[in-house]
Each structure stands twice: as structure tokens, then as C-alpha cells.
Amino acid sequence: QVQLVESGGGLVQAGGSLSLSCVASGSSRTFSVYRMAWFRQAPGKEREFVAAINWSGANTDYANSVKGRFTISRVNAKRTVYLQMNSLKPEDTAVYYCNTDDSRWGWGQGTQVTVSS
């Protein structure tokens, strides 16, 4: 069974940057074969897709709202996926989660990102 632990969130001013990490405990093989993704959920809204990365890191995909500002990456040996967030906007405020792109694992607690204007 895989458990996901997100970290790196915090409070930042608009225009600032944050780097999120997500570690998947369990089998390293299990992690490395899956396309991984970041999602976010703002207060009163449904969880939405942010970015995804294939098993090798060669292919990435982003929501239009974050394209050009966020970068997803992964290190399979560390069972970790990252999200570098630059030029943050108040509308990026949300709890950020990682999972496989089809959300097949249980959700972690997420990490809170708050962007002040």
C-alpha cells in the first residue's frame, strides 16, 4: 500500500515562489511505473488537476492556469515528485496534493499554499 506525504507549502506574497515535494512510501517499483500528478483544492471548490509527469520525466502536462509558471519533476529513486511554483498568484491559494494521474492511491493530507496579494 502506498502512502503519500506532501510538504513545502506556506505563506508567500504574490510573485513569489514555493517548491513542493511529495514522497510515496512503499515499493519503489510501484512508484516508478506510474504517471504522477499534482492536484489542488481551493476552499469551496472541487479538487482540480495542476500538472502531470510520465514515468521517465520526459513528458509533462499542465493546466492552462499554471502553464509557464509551474514545473513538475520527479526522482524515482527517491519516490518523490516535485512542483516548483513561480510567479505565484492569489488564485493559486489551495491545498496541494499529489497522486497518480488517475488518483488510484489514497490521498495524503496535502500541503497548504497561501498567496497573499
PDB file of N, CA and C in Angstrom:
ATOM      1  N   GLN A   1       0.852  -1.185   0.000  1.00  0.00           N
ATOM      2  CA  GLN A   1       0.000   0.000   0.000  1.00  0.00           C
ATOM      3  C   GLN A   1       0.889   1.237   0.000  1.00  0.00           C
ATOM      4  N   VAL A   2       0.564   2.182  -0.847  1.00  0.00           N
ATOM      5  CA  VAL A   2       1.365   3.395  -0.968  1.00  0.00           C
ATOM      6  C   VAL A   2       0.729   4.508  -0.152  1.00  0.00           C
ATOM      7  N   GLN A   3       1.555   5.229   0.590  1.00  0.00           N
ATOM      8  CA  GLN A   3       1.117   6.415   1.320  1.00  0.00           C
ATOM      9  C   GLN A   3       1.841   7.628   0.767  1.00  0.00           C
ATOM     10  N   LEU A   4       1.111   8.725   0.633  1.00  0.00           N
ATOM     11  CA  LEU A   4       1.646   9.946   0.043  1.00  0.00           C
ATOM     12  C   LEU A   4       1.774  11.022   1.110  1.00  0.00           C
ATOM     13  N   VAL A   5       2.936  11.681   1.149  1.00  0.00           N
ATOM     14  CA  VAL A   5       3.161  12.758   2.104  1.00  0.00           C
ATOM     15  C   VAL A   5       3.662  13.980   1.352  1.00  0.00           C
ATOM     16  N   GLU A   6       2.849  15.030   1.351  1.00  0.00           N
ATOM     17  CA  GLU A   6       3.202  16.280   0.681  1.00  0.00           C
ATOM     18  C   GLU A   6       3.799  17.257   1.686  1.00  0.00           C
ATOM     19  N   SER A   7       4.709  18.098   1.208  1.00  0.00           N
ATOM     20  CA  SER A   7       5.323  19.108   2.068  1.00  0.00           C
ATOM     21  C   SER A   7       5.800  20.275   1.220  1.00  0.00           C
ATOM     22  N   GLY A   8       6.169  21.361   1.912  1.00  0.00           N
ATOM     23  CA  GLY A   8       6.757  22.508   1.232  1.00  0.00           C
ATOM     24  C   GLY A   8       5.851  23.710   1.077  1.00  0.00           C
ATOM     25  N   GLY A   9       4.598  23.568   1.487  1.00  0.00           N
ATOM     26  CA  GLY A   9       3.686  24.697   1.374  1.00  0.00           C
ATOM     27  C   GLY A   9       4.015  25.801   2.361  1.00  0.00           C
ATOM     28  N   GLY A  10       3.279  26.889   2.256  1.00  0.00           N
ATOM     29  CA  GLY A  10       3.499  28.006   3.168  1.00  0.00           C
ATOM     30  C   GLY A  10       2.784  29.247   2.704  1.00  0.00           C
ATOM     31  N   LEU A  11       3.126  30.367   3.345  1.00  0.00           N
ATOM     32  CA  LEU A  11       2.544  31.665   3.004  1.00  0.00           C
ATOM     33  C   LEU A  11       3.579  32.465   2.216  1.00  0.00           C
ATOM     34  N   VAL A  12       3.166  32.990   1.087  1.00  0.00           N
ATOM     35  CA  VAL A  12       4.089  33.740   0.234  1.00  0.00           C
ATOM     36  C   VAL A  12       3.333  34.900  -0.402  1.00  0.00           C
ATOM     37  N   GLN A  13       4.038  35.963  -0.697  1.00  0.00           N
ATOM     38  CA  GLN A  13       3.422  37.097  -1.373  1.00  0.00           C
ATOM     39  C   GLN A  13       3.271  36.817  -2.862  1.00  0.00           C
ATOM     40  N   ALA A  14       2.325  37.482  -3.469  1.00  0.00           N
ATOM     41  CA  ALA A  14       2.137  37.350  -4.912  1.00  0.00           C
ATOM     42  C   ALA A  14       3.455  37.658  -5.630  1.00  0.00           C
ATOM     43  N   GLY A  15       3.761  36.828  -6.623  1.00  0.00           N
ATOM     44  CA  GLY A  15       5.014  36.957  -7.347  1.00  0.00           C
ATOM     45  C   GLY A  15       6.131  36.091  -6.798  1.00  0.00           C
ATOM     46  N   GLY A  16       5.905  35.525  -5.636  1.00  0.00           N
ATOM     47  CA  GLY A  16       6.922  34.694  -5.003  1.00  0.00           C
ATOM     48  C   GLY A  16       6.925  33.273  -5.531  1.00  0.00           C
ATOM     49  N   SER A  17       7.763  32.439  -4.892  1.00  0.00           N
ATOM     50  CA  SER A  17       7.941  31.048  -5.323  1.00  0.00           C
ATOM     51  C   SER A  17       7.868  30.097  -4.135  1.00  0.00           C
ATOM     52  N   LEU A  18       7.457  28.881  -4.424  1.00  0.00           N
ATOM     53  CA  LEU A  18       7.476  27.788  -3.461  1.00  0.00           C
ATOM     54  C   LEU A  18       7.832  26.509  -4.197  1.00  0.00           C
ATOM     55  N   SER A  19       8.428  25.572  -3.465  1.00  0.00           N
ATOM     56  CA  SER A  19       8.754  24.271  -4.035  1.00  0.00           C
ATOM     57  C   SER A  19       8.113  23.195  -3.187  1.00  0.00           C
ATOM     58  N   LEU A  20       7.246  22.426  -3.783  1.00  0.00           N
ATOM     59  CA  LEU A  20       6.542  21.357  -3.089  1.00  0.00           C
ATOM     60  C   LEU A  20       7.202  20.014  -3.374  1.00  0.00           C
ATOM     61  N   SER A  21       7.094  19.119  -2.398  1.00  0.00           N
ATOM     62  CA  SER A  21       7.596  17.754  -2.552  1.00  0.00           C
ATOM     63  C   SER A  21       6.512  16.772  -2.146  1.00  0.00           C
ATOM     64  N   CYS A  22       6.549  15.599  -2.740  1.00  0.00           N
ATOM     65  CA  CYS A  22       5.618  14.534  -2.378  1.00  0.00           C
ATOM     66  C   CYS A  22       6.384  13.224  -2.404  1.00  0.00           C
ATOM     67  N   VAL A  23       6.425  12.557  -1.254  1.00  0.00           N
ATOM     68  CA  VAL A  23       7.116  11.284  -1.131  1.00  0.00           C
ATOM     69  C   VAL A  23       6.098  10.162  -1.053  1.00  0.00           C
ATOM     70  N   ALA A  24       6.310   9.146  -1.841  1.00  0.00           N
ATOM     71  CA  ALA A  24       5.430   7.977  -1.851  1.00  0.00           C
ATOM     72  C   ALA A  24       6.122   6.836  -1.134  1.00  0.00           C
ATOM     73  N   SER A  25       5.595   6.445   0.021  1.00  0.00           N
ATOM     74  CA  SER A  25       6.180   5.311   0.739  1.00  0.00           C
ATOM     75  C   SER A  25       5.665   4.027   0.105  1.00  0.00           C
ATOM     76  N   GLY A  26       6.441   2.946   0.225  1.00  0.00           N
ATOM     77  CA  GLY A  26       6.039   1.684  -0.360  1.00  0.00           C
ATOM     78  C   GLY A  26       7.029   1.267  -1.421  1.00  0.00           C
ATOM     79  N   SER A  27       6.616   0.436  -2.323  1.00  0.00           N
ATOM     80  CA  SER A  27       7.502  -0.131  -3.321  1.00  0.00           C
ATOM     81  C   SER A  27       8.010   0.915  -4.305  1.00  0.00           C
ATOM     82  N   SER A  28       9.319   0.979  -4.448  1.00  0.00           N
ATOM     83  CA  SER A  28       9.873   1.928  -5.410  1.00  0.00           C
ATOM     84  C   SER A  28       9.437   1.573  -6.821  1.00  0.00           C
ATOM     85  N   ARG A  29       9.249   0.278  -7.096  1.00  0.00           N
ATOM     86  CA  ARG A  29       8.804  -0.101  -8.440  1.00  0.00           C
ATOM     87  C   ARG A  29       7.388   0.400  -8.679  1.00  0.00           C
ATOM     88  N   THR A  30       6.566   0.309  -7.642  1.00  0.00           N
ATOM     89  CA  THR A  30       5.201   0.780  -7.782  1.00  0.00           C
ATOM     90  C   THR A  30       5.189   2.249  -8.168  1.00  0.00           C
ATOM     91  N   PHE A  31       6.025   3.061  -7.545  1.00  0.00           N
ATOM     92  CA  PHE A  31       6.034   4.485  -7.841  1.00  0.00           C
ATOM     93  C   PHE A  31       6.535   4.743  -9.248  1.00  0.00           C
ATOM     94  N   SER A  32       7.611   4.103  -9.634  1.00  0.00           N
ATOM     95  CA  SER A  32       8.299   4.465 -10.869  1.00  0.00           C
ATOM     96  C   SER A  32       7.515   4.136 -12.135  1.00  0.00           C
ATOM     97  N   VAL A  33       6.529   3.267 -12.064  1.00  0.00           N
ATOM     98  CA  VAL A  33       5.827   2.903 -13.296  1.00  0.00           C
ATOM     99  C   VAL A  33       4.659   3.827 -13.600  1.00  0.00           C
ATOM    100  N   TYR A  34       4.275   4.641 -12.626  1.00  0.00           N
ATOM    101  CA  TYR A  34       3.065   5.432 -12.782  1.00  0.00           C
ATOM    102  C   TYR A  34       3.329   6.868 -13.226  1.00  0.00           C
ATOM    103  N   ARG A  35       2.405   7.357 -14.012  1.00  0.00           N
ATOM    104  CA  ARG A  35       2.342   8.783 -14.309  1.00  0.00           C
ATOM    105  C   ARG A  35       1.827   9.475 -13.059  1.00  0.00           C
ATOM    106  N   MET A  36       2.561  10.451 -12.560  1.00  0.00           N
ATOM    107  CA  MET A  36       2.220  11.137 -11.322  1.00  0.00           C
ATOM    108  C   MET A  36       1.687  12.536 -11.616  1.00  0.00           C
ATOM    109  N   ALA A  37       0.900  13.047 -10.680  1.00  0.00           N
ATOM    110  CA  ALA A  37       0.290  14.358 -10.899  1.00  0.00           C
ATOM    111  C   ALA A  37       0.160  15.127  -9.591  1.00  0.00           C
ATOM    112  N   TRP A  38       0.042  16.423  -9.742  1.00  0.00           N
ATOM    113  CA  TRP A  38      -0.321  17.311  -8.643  1.00  0.00           C
ATOM    114  C   TRP A  38      -1.743  17.815  -8.901  1.00  0.00           C
ATOM    115  N   PHE A  39      -2.488  17.922  -7.797  1.00  0.00           N
ATOM    116  CA  PHE A  39      -3.836  18.463  -7.821  1.00  0.00           C
ATOM    117  C   PHE A  39      -3.921  19.534  -6.748  1.00  0.00           C
ATOM    118  N   ARG A  40      -4.961  20.344  -6.795  1.00  0.00           N
ATOM    119  CA  ARG A  40      -5.165  21.329  -5.730  1.00  0.00           C
ATOM    120  C   ARG A  40      -6.656  21.525  -5.493  1.00  0.00           C
ATOM    121  N   GLN A  41      -6.954  21.938  -4.275  1.00  0.00           N
ATOM    122  CA  GLN A  41      -8.339  22.186  -3.906  1.00  0.00           C
ATOM    123  C   GLN A  41      -8.411  23.479  -3.114  1.00  0.00           C
ATOM    124  N   ALA A  42      -9.084  24.454  -3.676  1.00  0.00           N
ATOM    125  CA  ALA A  42      -9.294  25.734  -3.007  1.00  0.00           C
ATOM    126  C   ALA A  42     -10.567  25.657  -2.164  1.00  0.00           C
ATOM    127  N   PRO A  43     -10.694  26.515  -1.164  1.00  0.00           N
ATOM    128  CA  PRO A  43     -11.887  26.488  -0.310  1.00  0.00           C
ATOM    129  C   PRO A  43     -13.162  26.637  -1.131  1.00  0.00           C
ATOM    130  N   GLY A  44     -14.107  25.734  -0.887  1.00  0.00           N
ATOM    131  CA  GLY A  44     -15.391  25.800  -1.570  1.00  0.00           C
ATOM    132  C   GLY A  44     -15.382  25.318  -3.003  1.00  0.00           C
ATOM    133  N   LYS A  45     -14.248  24.796  -3.463  1.00  0.00           N
ATOM    134  CA  LYS A  45     -14.146  24.328  -4.851  1.00  0.00           C
ATOM    135  C   LYS A  45     -13.766  22.862  -4.890  1.00  0.00           C
ATOM    136  N   GLU A  46     -13.981  22.252  -6.046  1.00  0.00           N
ATOM    137  CA  GLU A  46     -13.589  20.860  -6.210  1.00  0.00           C
ATOM    138  C   GLU A  46     -12.084  20.762  -6.478  1.00  0.00           C
ATOM    139  N   ARG A  47     -11.551  19.595  -6.195  1.00  0.00           N
ATOM    140  CA  ARG A  47     -10.143  19.342  -6.477  1.00  0.00           C
ATOM    141  C   ARG A  47      -9.924  19.403  -7.992  1.00  0.00           C
ATOM    142  N   GLU A  48      -8.834  20.040  -8.387  1.00  0.00           N
ATOM    143  CA  GLU A  48      -8.559  20.188  -9.815  1.00  0.00           C
ATOM    144  C   GLU A  48      -7.141  19.772 -10.153  1.00  0.00           C
ATOM    145  N   PHE A  49      -6.961  19.387 -11.387  1.00  0.00           N
ATOM    146  CA  PHE A  49      -5.661  18.979 -11.910  1.00  0.00           C
ATOM    147  C   PHE A  49      -4.748  20.190 -12.052  1.00  0.00           C
ATOM    148  N   VAL A  50      -3.471  19.999 -11.705  1.00  0.00           N
ATOM    149  CA  VAL A  50      -2.478  21.057 -11.849  1.00  0.00           C
ATOM    150  C   VAL A  50      -1.407  20.679 -12.869  1.00  0.00           C
ATOM    151  N   ALA A  51      -0.783  19.515 -12.673  1.00  0.00           N
ATOM    152  CA  ALA A  51       0.305  19.108 -13.555  1.00  0.00           C
ATOM    153  C   ALA A  51       0.515  17.605 -13.456  1.00  0.00           C
ATOM    154  N   ALA A  52       1.082  17.014 -14.501  1.00  0.00           N
ATOM    155  CA  ALA A  52       1.363  15.583 -14.517  1.00  0.00           C
ATOM    156  C   ALA A  52       2.703  15.318 -15.191  1.00  0.00           C
ATOM    157  N   ILE A  53       3.291  14.168 -14.860  1.00  0.00           N
ATOM    158  CA  ILE A  53       4.583  13.789 -15.432  1.00  0.00           C
ATOM    159  C   ILE A  53       4.603  12.283 -15.637  1.00  0.00           C
ATOM    160  N   ASN A  54       5.152  11.861 -16.782  1.00  0.00           N
ATOM    161  CA  ASN A  54       5.165  10.428 -17.045  1.00  0.00           C
ATOM    162  C   ASN A  54       6.281   9.752 -16.248  1.00  0.00           C
ATOM    163  N   TRP A  55       6.384   8.436 -16.377  1.00  0.00           N
ATOM    164  CA  TRP A  55       7.281   7.673 -15.520  1.00  0.00           C
ATOM    165  C   TRP A  55       8.740   8.094 -15.659  1.00  0.00           C
ATOM    166  N   SER A  56       9.150   8.492 -16.844  1.00  0.00           N
ATOM    167  CA  SER A  56      10.555   8.828 -17.058  1.00  0.00           C
ATOM    168  C   SER A  56      10.846  10.304 -16.844  1.00  0.00           C
ATOM    169  N   GLY A  57       9.808  11.108 -16.775  1.00  0.00           N
ATOM    170  CA  GLY A  57      10.013  12.550 -16.664  1.00  0.00           C
ATOM    171  C   GLY A  57      10.121  13.257 -17.997  1.00  0.00           C
ATOM    172  N   ALA A  58      10.034  12.497 -19.084  1.00  0.00           N
ATOM    173  CA  ALA A  58      10.221  13.078 -20.407  1.00  0.00           C
ATOM    174  C   ALA A  58       8.994  13.843 -20.902  1.00  0.00           C
ATOM    175  N   ASN A  59       7.838  13.496 -20.375  1.00  0.00           N
ATOM    176  CA  ASN A  59       6.597  14.138 -20.828  1.00  0.00           C
ATOM    177  C   ASN A  59       5.858  14.746 -19.650  1.00  0.00           C
ATOM    178  N   THR A  60       5.471  16.003 -19.791  1.00  0.00           N
ATOM    179  CA  THR A  60       4.734  16.697 -18.748  1.00  0.00           C
ATOM    180  C   THR A  60       3.502  17.369 -19.349  1.00  0.00           C
ATOM    181  N   ASP A  61       2.564  17.659 -18.467  1.00  0.00           N
ATOM    182  CA  ASP A  61       1.325  18.299 -18.887  1.00  0.00           C
ATOM    183  C   ASP A  61       0.903  19.252 -17.780  1.00  0.00           C
ATOM    184  N   TYR A  62       0.339  20.390 -18.156  1.00  0.00           N
ATOM    185  CA  TYR A  62      -0.029  21.405 -17.175  1.00  0.00           C
ATOM    186  C   TYR A  62      -1.422  21.953 -17.444  1.00  0.00           C
ATOM    187  N   ALA A  63      -2.100  22.333 -16.370  1.00  0.00           N
ATOM    188  CA  ALA A  63      -3.336  23.096 -16.525  1.00  0.00           C
ATOM    189  C   ALA A  63      -2.989  24.447 -17.133  1.00  0.00           C
ATOM    190  N   ASN A  64      -3.888  24.978 -17.918  1.00  0.00           N
ATOM    191  CA  ASN A  64      -3.622  26.263 -18.570  1.00  0.00           C
ATOM    192  C   ASN A  64      -3.318  27.357 -17.555  1.00  0.00           C
ATOM    193  N   SER A  65      -3.953  27.275 -16.409  1.00  0.00           N
ATOM    194  CA  SER A  65      -3.809  28.325 -15.397  1.00  0.00           C
ATOM    195  C   SER A  65      -2.408  28.393 -14.794  1.00  0.00           C
ATOM    196  N   VAL A  66      -1.615  27.332 -14.924  1.00  0.00           N
ATOM    197  CA  VAL A  66      -0.278  27.326 -14.319  1.00  0.00           C
ATOM    198  C   VAL A  66       0.829  27.176 -15.346  1.00  0.00           C
ATOM    199  N   LYS A  67       0.467  26.994 -16.605  1.00  0.00           N
ATOM    200  CA  LYS A  67       1.458  26.771 -17.651  1.00  0.00           C
ATOM    201  C   LYS A  67       2.412  27.963 -17.733  1.00  0.00           C
ATOM    202  N   GLY A  68       3.702  27.655 -17.765  1.00  0.00           N
ATOM    203  CA  GLY A  68       4.711  28.698 -17.830  1.00  0.00           C
ATOM    204  C   GLY A  68       5.163  29.210 -16.480  1.00  0.00           C
ATOM    205  N   ARG A  69       4.450  28.835 -15.418  1.00  0.00           N
ATOM    206  CA  ARG A  69       4.808  29.284 -14.066  1.00  0.00           C
ATOM    207  C   ARG A  69       5.218  28.118 -13.173  1.00  0.00           C
ATOM    208  N   PHE A  70       4.619  26.953 -13.370  1.00  0.00           N
ATOM    209  CA  PHE A  70       4.893  25.778 -12.543  1.00  0.00           C
ATOM    210  C   PHE A  70       5.702  24.758 -13.349  1.00  0.00           C
ATOM    211  N   THR A  71       6.543  23.993 -12.627  1.00  0.00           N
ATOM    212  CA  THR A  71       7.306  22.921 -13.253  1.00  0.00           C
ATOM    213  C   THR A  71       7.232  21.673 -12.391  1.00  0.00           C
ATOM    214  N   ILE A  72       6.812  20.570 -12.995  1.00  0.00           N
ATOM    215  CA  ILE A  72       6.749  19.291 -12.289  1.00  0.00           C
ATOM    216  C   ILE A  72       7.973  18.465 -12.651  1.00  0.00           C
ATOM    217  N   SER A  73       8.489  17.743 -11.669  1.00  0.00           N
ATOM    218  CA  SER A  73       9.625  16.863 -11.917  1.00  0.00           C
ATOM    219  C   SER A  73       9.540  15.687 -10.951  1.00  0.00           C
ATOM    220  N   ARG A  74      10.409  14.688 -11.138  1.00  0.00           N
ATOM    221  CA  ARG A  74      10.389  13.521 -10.260  1.00  0.00           C
ATOM    222  C   ARG A  74      11.760  12.888 -10.189  1.00  0.00           C
ATOM    223  N   VAL A  75      12.008  12.200  -9.070  1.00  0.00           N
ATOM    224  CA  VAL A  75      13.199  11.377  -8.891  1.00  0.00           C
ATOM    225  C   VAL A  75      12.711  10.028  -8.421  1.00  0.00           C
ATOM    226  N   ASN A  76      12.697   9.043  -9.325  1.00  0.00           N
ATOM    227  CA  ASN A  76      12.112   7.740  -8.993  1.00  0.00           C
ATOM    228  C   ASN A  76      12.878   7.033  -7.882  1.00  0.00           C
ATOM    229  N   ALA A  77      14.169   7.195  -7.848  1.00  0.00           N
ATOM    230  CA  ALA A  77      14.966   6.530  -6.811  1.00  0.00           C
ATOM    231  C   ALA A  77      14.591   7.027  -5.423  1.00  0.00           C
ATOM    232  N   LYS A  78      14.075   8.239  -5.341  1.00  0.00           N
ATOM    233  CA  LYS A  78      13.642   8.796  -4.062  1.00  0.00           C
ATOM    234  C   LYS A  78      12.140   8.692  -3.883  1.00  0.00           C
ATOM    235  N   ARG A  79      11.464   8.125  -4.868  1.00  0.00           N
ATOM    236  CA  ARG A  79       9.999   8.006  -4.840  1.00  0.00           C
ATOM    237  C   ARG A  79       9.359   9.371  -4.562  1.00  0.00           C
ATOM    238  N   THR A  80       9.891  10.388  -5.194  1.00  0.00           N
ATOM    239  CA  THR A  80       9.477  11.758  -4.920  1.00  0.00           C
ATOM    240  C   THR A  80       9.107  12.482  -6.207  1.00  0.00           C
ATOM    241  N   VAL A  81       8.021  13.256  -6.129  1.00  0.00           N
ATOM    242  CA  VAL A  81       7.627  14.142  -7.216  1.00  0.00           C
ATOM    243  C   VAL A  81       7.610  15.562  -6.669  1.00  0.00           C
ATOM    244  N   TYR A  82       8.041  16.506  -7.493  1.00  0.00           N
ATOM    245  CA  TYR A  82       8.197  17.890  -7.073  1.00  0.00           C
ATOM    246  C   TYR A  82       7.300  18.807  -7.897  1.00  0.00           C
ATOM    247  N   LEU A  83       7.009  19.961  -7.311  1.00  0.00           N
ATOM    248  CA  LEU A  83       6.306  21.010  -8.044  1.00  0.00           C
ATOM    249  C   LEU A  83       6.954  22.339  -7.700  1.00  0.00           C
ATOM    250  N   GLN A  84       7.664  22.906  -8.667  1.00  0.00           N
ATOM    251  CA  GLN A  84       8.258  24.221  -8.487  1.00  0.00           C
ATOM    252  C   GLN A  84       7.235  25.239  -8.965  1.00  0.00           C
ATOM    253  N   MET A  85       6.880  26.157  -8.080  1.00  0.00           N
ATOM    254  CA  MET A  85       5.853  27.150  -8.390  1.00  0.00           C
ATOM    255  C   MET A  85       6.454  28.537  -8.353  1.00  0.00           C
ATOM    256  N   ASN A  86       6.452  29.213  -9.469  1.00  0.00           N
ATOM    257  CA  ASN A  86       6.977  30.569  -9.577  1.00  0.00           C
ATOM    258  C   ASN A  86       5.863  31.542  -9.946  1.00  0.00           C
ATOM    259  N   SER A  87       6.128  32.820  -9.753  1.00  0.00           N
ATOM    260  CA  SER A  87       5.160  33.868 -10.109  1.00  0.00           C
ATOM    261  C   SER A  87       3.781  33.553  -9.543  1.00  0.00           C
ATOM    262  N   LEU A  88       3.756  33.218  -8.279  1.00  0.00           N
ATOM    263  CA  LEU A  88       2.505  32.799  -7.656  1.00  0.00           C
ATOM    264  C   LEU A  88       1.490  33.927  -7.613  1.00  0.00           C
ATOM    265  N   LYS A  89       0.218  33.535  -7.736  1.00  0.00           N
ATOM    266  CA  LYS A  89      -0.894  34.469  -7.728  1.00  0.00           C
ATOM    267  C   LYS A  89      -1.845  34.121  -6.577  1.00  0.00           C
ATOM    268  N   PRO A  90      -2.621  35.075  -6.097  1.00  0.00           N
ATOM    269  CA  PRO A  90      -3.581  34.757  -5.028  1.00  0.00           C
ATOM    270  C   PRO A  90      -4.508  33.606  -5.400  1.00  0.00           C
ATOM    271  N   GLU A  91      -4.849  33.475  -6.673  1.00  0.00           N
ATOM    272  CA  GLU A  91      -5.736  32.388  -7.093  1.00  0.00           C
ATOM    273  C   GLU A  91      -5.072  31.012  -7.057  1.00  0.00           C
ATOM    274  N   ASP A  92      -3.776  30.963  -6.768  1.00  0.00           N
ATOM    275  CA  ASP A  92      -3.089  29.674  -6.577  1.00  0.00           C
ATOM    276  C   ASP A  92      -3.277  29.149  -5.151  1.00  0.00           C
ATOM    277  N   THR A  93      -3.877  29.949  -4.292  1.00  0.00           N
ATOM    278  CA  THR A  93      -4.107  29.527  -2.912  1.00  0.00           C
ATOM    279  C   THR A  93      -5.002  28.292  -2.877  1.00  0.00           C
ATOM    280  N   ALA A  94      -4.505  27.240  -2.233  1.00  0.00           N
ATOM    281  CA  ALA A  94      -5.218  25.957  -2.189  1.00  0.00           C
ATOM    282  C   ALA A  94      -4.405  24.974  -1.360  1.00  0.00           C
ATOM    283  N   VAL A  95      -5.007  23.835  -1.079  1.00  0.00           N
ATOM    284  CA  VAL A  95      -4.266  22.696  -0.554  1.00  0.00           C
ATOM    285  C   VAL A  95      -3.822  21.869  -1.757  1.00  0.00           C
ATOM    286  N   TYR A  96      -2.539  21.556  -1.808  1.00  0.00           N
ATOM    287  CA  TYR A  96      -1.957  20.839  -2.935  1.00  0.00           C
ATOM    288  C   TYR A  96      -1.718  19.378  -2.559  1.00  0.00           C
ATOM    289  N   TYR A  97      -2.094  18.491  -3.464  1.00  0.00           N
ATOM    290  CA  TYR A  97      -1.974  17.053  -3.271  1.00  0.00           C
ATOM    291  C   TYR A  97      -1.253  16.427  -4.460  1.00  0.00           C
ATOM    292  N   CYS A  98      -0.612  15.292  -4.205  1.00  0.00           N
ATOM    293  CA  CYS A  98      -0.095  14.512  -5.321  1.00  0.00           C
ATOM    294  C   CYS A  98      -0.785  13.149  -5.315  1.00  0.00           C
ATOM    295  N   ASN A  99      -0.737  12.489  -6.464  1.00  0.00           N
ATOM    296  CA  ASN A  99      -1.306  11.155  -6.623  1.00  0.00           C
ATOM    297  C   ASN A  99      -0.914  10.680  -8.014  1.00  0.00           C
ATOM    298  N   THR A 100      -1.271   9.468  -8.353  1.00  0.00           N
ATOM    299  CA  THR A 100      -1.149   9.063  -9.746  1.00  0.00           C
ATOM    300  C   THR A 100      -2.129   9.912 -10.549  1.00  0.00           C
ATOM    301  N   ASP A 101      -1.933  10.005 -11.848  1.00  0.00           N
ATOM    302  CA  ASP A 101      -2.805  10.903 -12.605  1.00  0.00           C
ATOM    303  C   ASP A 101      -4.248  10.405 -12.656  1.00  0.00           C
ATOM    304  N   ASP A 102      -4.468   9.143 -12.358  1.00  0.00           N
ATOM    305  CA  ASP A 102      -5.836   8.619 -12.277  1.00  0.00           C
ATOM    306  C   ASP A 102      -6.284   8.419 -10.835  1.00  0.00           C
ATOM    307  N   SER A 103      -5.537   9.027  -9.913  1.00  0.00           N
ATOM    308  CA  SER A 103      -5.906   9.060  -8.486  1.00  0.00           C
ATOM    309  C   SER A 103      -6.167   7.669  -7.916  1.00  0.00           C
ATOM    310  N   ARG A 104      -5.305   6.717  -8.232  1.00  0.00           N
ATOM    311  CA  ARG A 104      -5.569   5.353  -7.791  1.00  0.00           C
ATOM    312  C   ARG A 104      -5.136   5.091  -6.363  1.00  0.00           C
ATOM    313  N   TRP A 105      -4.300   5.968  -5.782  1.00  0.00           N
ATOM    314  CA  TRP A 105      -3.867   5.767  -4.391  1.00  0.00           C
ATOM    315  C   TRP A 105      -4.689   6.636  -3.451  1.00  0.00           C
ATOM    316  N   GLY A 106      -4.649   6.294  -2.167  1.00  0.00           N
ATOM    317  CA  GLY A 106      -5.324   7.131  -1.189  1.00  0.00           C
ATOM    318  C   GLY A 106      -4.682   8.500  -1.121  1.00  0.00           C
ATOM    319  N   TRP A 107      -5.489   9.507  -0.837  1.00  0.00           N
ATOM    320  CA  TRP A 107      -4.979  10.869  -0.769  1.00  0.00           C
ATOM    321  C   TRP A 107      -4.208  11.115   0.520  1.00  0.00           C
ATOM    322  N   GLY A 108      -3.140  11.883   0.420  1.00  0.00           N
ATOM    323  CA  GLY A 108      -2.426  12.326   1.592  1.00  0.00           C
ATOM    324  C   GLY A 108      -3.139  13.510   2.227  1.00  0.00           C
ATOM    325  N   GLN A 109      -2.482  14.137   3.196  1.00  0.00           N
ATOM    326  CA  GLN A 109      -3.089  15.285   3.878  1.00  0.00           C
ATOM    327  C   GLN A 109      -2.938  16.569   3.075  1.00  0.00           C
ATOM    328  N   GLY A 110      -2.051  16.562   2.111  1.00  0.00           N
ATOM    329  CA  GLY A 110      -1.840  17.754   1.309  1.00  0.00           C
ATOM    330  C   GLY A 110      -0.963  18.768   2.030  1.00  0.00           C
ATOM    331  N   THR A 111      -0.612  19.823   1.313  1.00  0.00           N
ATOM    332  CA  THR A 111       0.161  20.905   1.890  1.00  0.00           C
ATOM    333  C   THR A 111      -0.483  22.229   1.477  1.00  0.00           C
ATOM    334  N   GLN A 112      -0.667  23.112   2.458  1.00  0.00           N
ATOM    335  CA  GLN A 112      -1.379  24.371   2.231  1.00  0.00           C
ATOM    336  C   GLN A 112      -0.458  25.404   1.583  1.00  0.00           C
ATOM    337  N   VAL A 113      -0.934  25.989   0.512  1.00  0.00           N
ATOM    338  CA  VAL A 113      -0.245  27.103  -0.137  1.00  0.00           C
ATOM    339  C   VAL A 113      -1.166  28.314  -0.068  1.00  0.00           C
ATOM    340  N   THR A 114      -0.649  29.388   0.511  1.00  0.00           N
ATOM    341  CA  THR A 114      -1.424  30.619   0.626  1.00  0.00           C
ATOM    342  C   THR A 114      -0.633  31.754  -0.013  1.00  0.00           C
ATOM    343  N   VAL A 115      -1.236  32.415  -0.983  1.00  0.00           N
ATOM    344  CA  VAL A 115      -0.573  33.514  -1.687  1.00  0.00           C
ATOM    345  C   VAL A 115      -1.321  34.799  -1.370  1.00  0.00           C
ATOM    346  N   SER A 116      -0.618  35.732  -0.741  1.00  0.00           N
ATOM    347  CA  SER A 116      -1.240  36.997  -0.369  1.00  0.00           C
ATOM    348  C   SER A 116      -1.030  38.034  -1.474  1.00  0.00           C
ATOM    349  N   SER A 117      -1.991  38.915  -1.597  1.00  0.00           N
ATOM    350  CA  SER A 117      -1.911  39.955  -2.641  1.00  0.00           C
ATOM    351  C   SER A 117      -1.198  41.192  -2.157  1.00  0.00           C
TER     352      SER A 117
END
